[in-house]
Amino acid sequence: MHRLISALFAAIALYAGWSSDGAYGQVFRPTTFMLENGLQVVLVEDHRAPIVHHMVWYKVGAADEQPGKTGVAHYLEHLMFKGTPNVPAGEFSRRVARVGGRDNAFTSYDYTGYFQTVARDRLEMVMRMEAERMASLQPKPGDAAPELQVVLQERLSRIENSPSALFGEQFDAVQYLSHAYGRPVIGWPQEVARLTLEDAMDFYRAYYAPNNAILIVAGDVSPSELRGLAEKHYGLVPMRPVPARIRPQEPPQLAARRISMADERVSQPSLRRTYLAPSRTSDAKQHAIPLTVLAEILSGPTGRLYAALVQGDGPAVSASAWYSSVSLDPTTFGFGASPKTGRKLEEVEAGLDRVIAALLKDGVTEKELREAKIVLRAEAVYARDSLTGAAQIFGQALTSGLSVDDVENWPRLVEAVTAEQVLEAAKYVFDLRKSVTGYLLPKEQS
């Protein structure tokens, strides 16, 4: 989820600011204001249909958990549907469904979000219910243990039953020596099994406050109408102190790391490599936007990786690169590839090393730079059509330390990226001492 939203951010933010004469304006032209209790409100108007997408984002996620309590942010997300004084357990989603809407929630490292998509005349209904569970969550003790079992079953289905997901957990734990990004969002199973209702409610009372939240609405509503509804419902929730987001940071990474994992359920071997990389809000953030452009140059059907590793006699059947610039703390720049039948992962890794070496030696061309920007802009034309897209972009950006202006200025910043900046960013990131290389193998190849 975290990576998909980041990709949307990169794509959507290039749209709307581009005009036929090459000039840049704003991207979403949002209306923003702050309630007296510290709740930040962002509105992106979209009057094409009488629909609204309503989201509440909390500036807290799995990376804010205390050691030994992994998974508590996600467990609380589940318990948020277990009742308030006027909305019994399970009734929140039933009420949304009865009016033809849909709702859900998600937890990531830097944020937790709750959303509903409804007809515009049902906006007040969901705002009333969401504000109540911000202020007065009341899960019953009898709901806690069954819901914890639901979380454990979710972990079983999404992680334990997926060799790739298990490999990813092990991989991230090796990449991050100290930071909580090395722990799974859903939690380590033995720690999740020990979570209690009080653990979740302690987390709720610490972080679920209006001054630690962002209300984002996209759709068919005016600024004056939204302000009135926000003050009527969310404005009644009192402000309260929230712990500072003090997280262990990464020490200098001085040694390349390798892992290998075999599983009898694996049918196709794969290679993964990631490098510790800056985000837009971490140290060395000047490299973040050039890295976004570099990821496009390397990946895709016309990218360098495909041309070097897949086409012709290349050793790989697939190859990709990825990077997310939107992260509160340092993130990663990653590569993935799988070998063709009869070829070895070692050949694929050697080919990847050659691509990186050539990049560090010669940089990128102006043609590659220009085409990468065109591709990002073309993708954005389609992504901007989504009612939910703008809300997700702002939610991830604002909970990760960026501002509304950072979102709106993204097109200018991307267009200003030079080939020299891309090379400088590549030299900063592609240091094997800050890397992890992993092989996921069928059991017989272990």
Foldseek 3Di string as FASTA:
>chain_A
DVQVLLLLLLQQLQEPLQDPVRGGDFRQPWDWDAFPQQAIEIEREDAPAQKKKKKKKFQAAQLQDDPLQAQLRVLLQLLLQCDFPVAHRPRLQVVLVVQPKGWDWDGDHGIIMIIMMHGNVCVLVNLQSVLRSLATRDHDQVVNVVSLVVLLVVCCVPAVVDLVNVVVLVFLLVLAVFGSSSADRNGDNVSSNPDHPVSNVVVSVQTSASSRMYMYMYYHDDPVRVVVSCCVRNVVRHHDDHDDRDTDAGDDQAAFAEAEAAAQPDDFKKKKKKFWAAACQEPPNLLHLLVQLVQLQQADCPHPLCVQAPPDPHFFVHKHWGDGRQALYIDITMMMTTGDPPHDPVSSVVSVVVSLVCCLVPFDDPVSLVVSSVVSNVSNVVSNVDRCSVVSSVSSRVSSPHDSVCSGCSNVSNVPDDRVSSSVRSVVTPDSSSMYMYMYYYPVVD
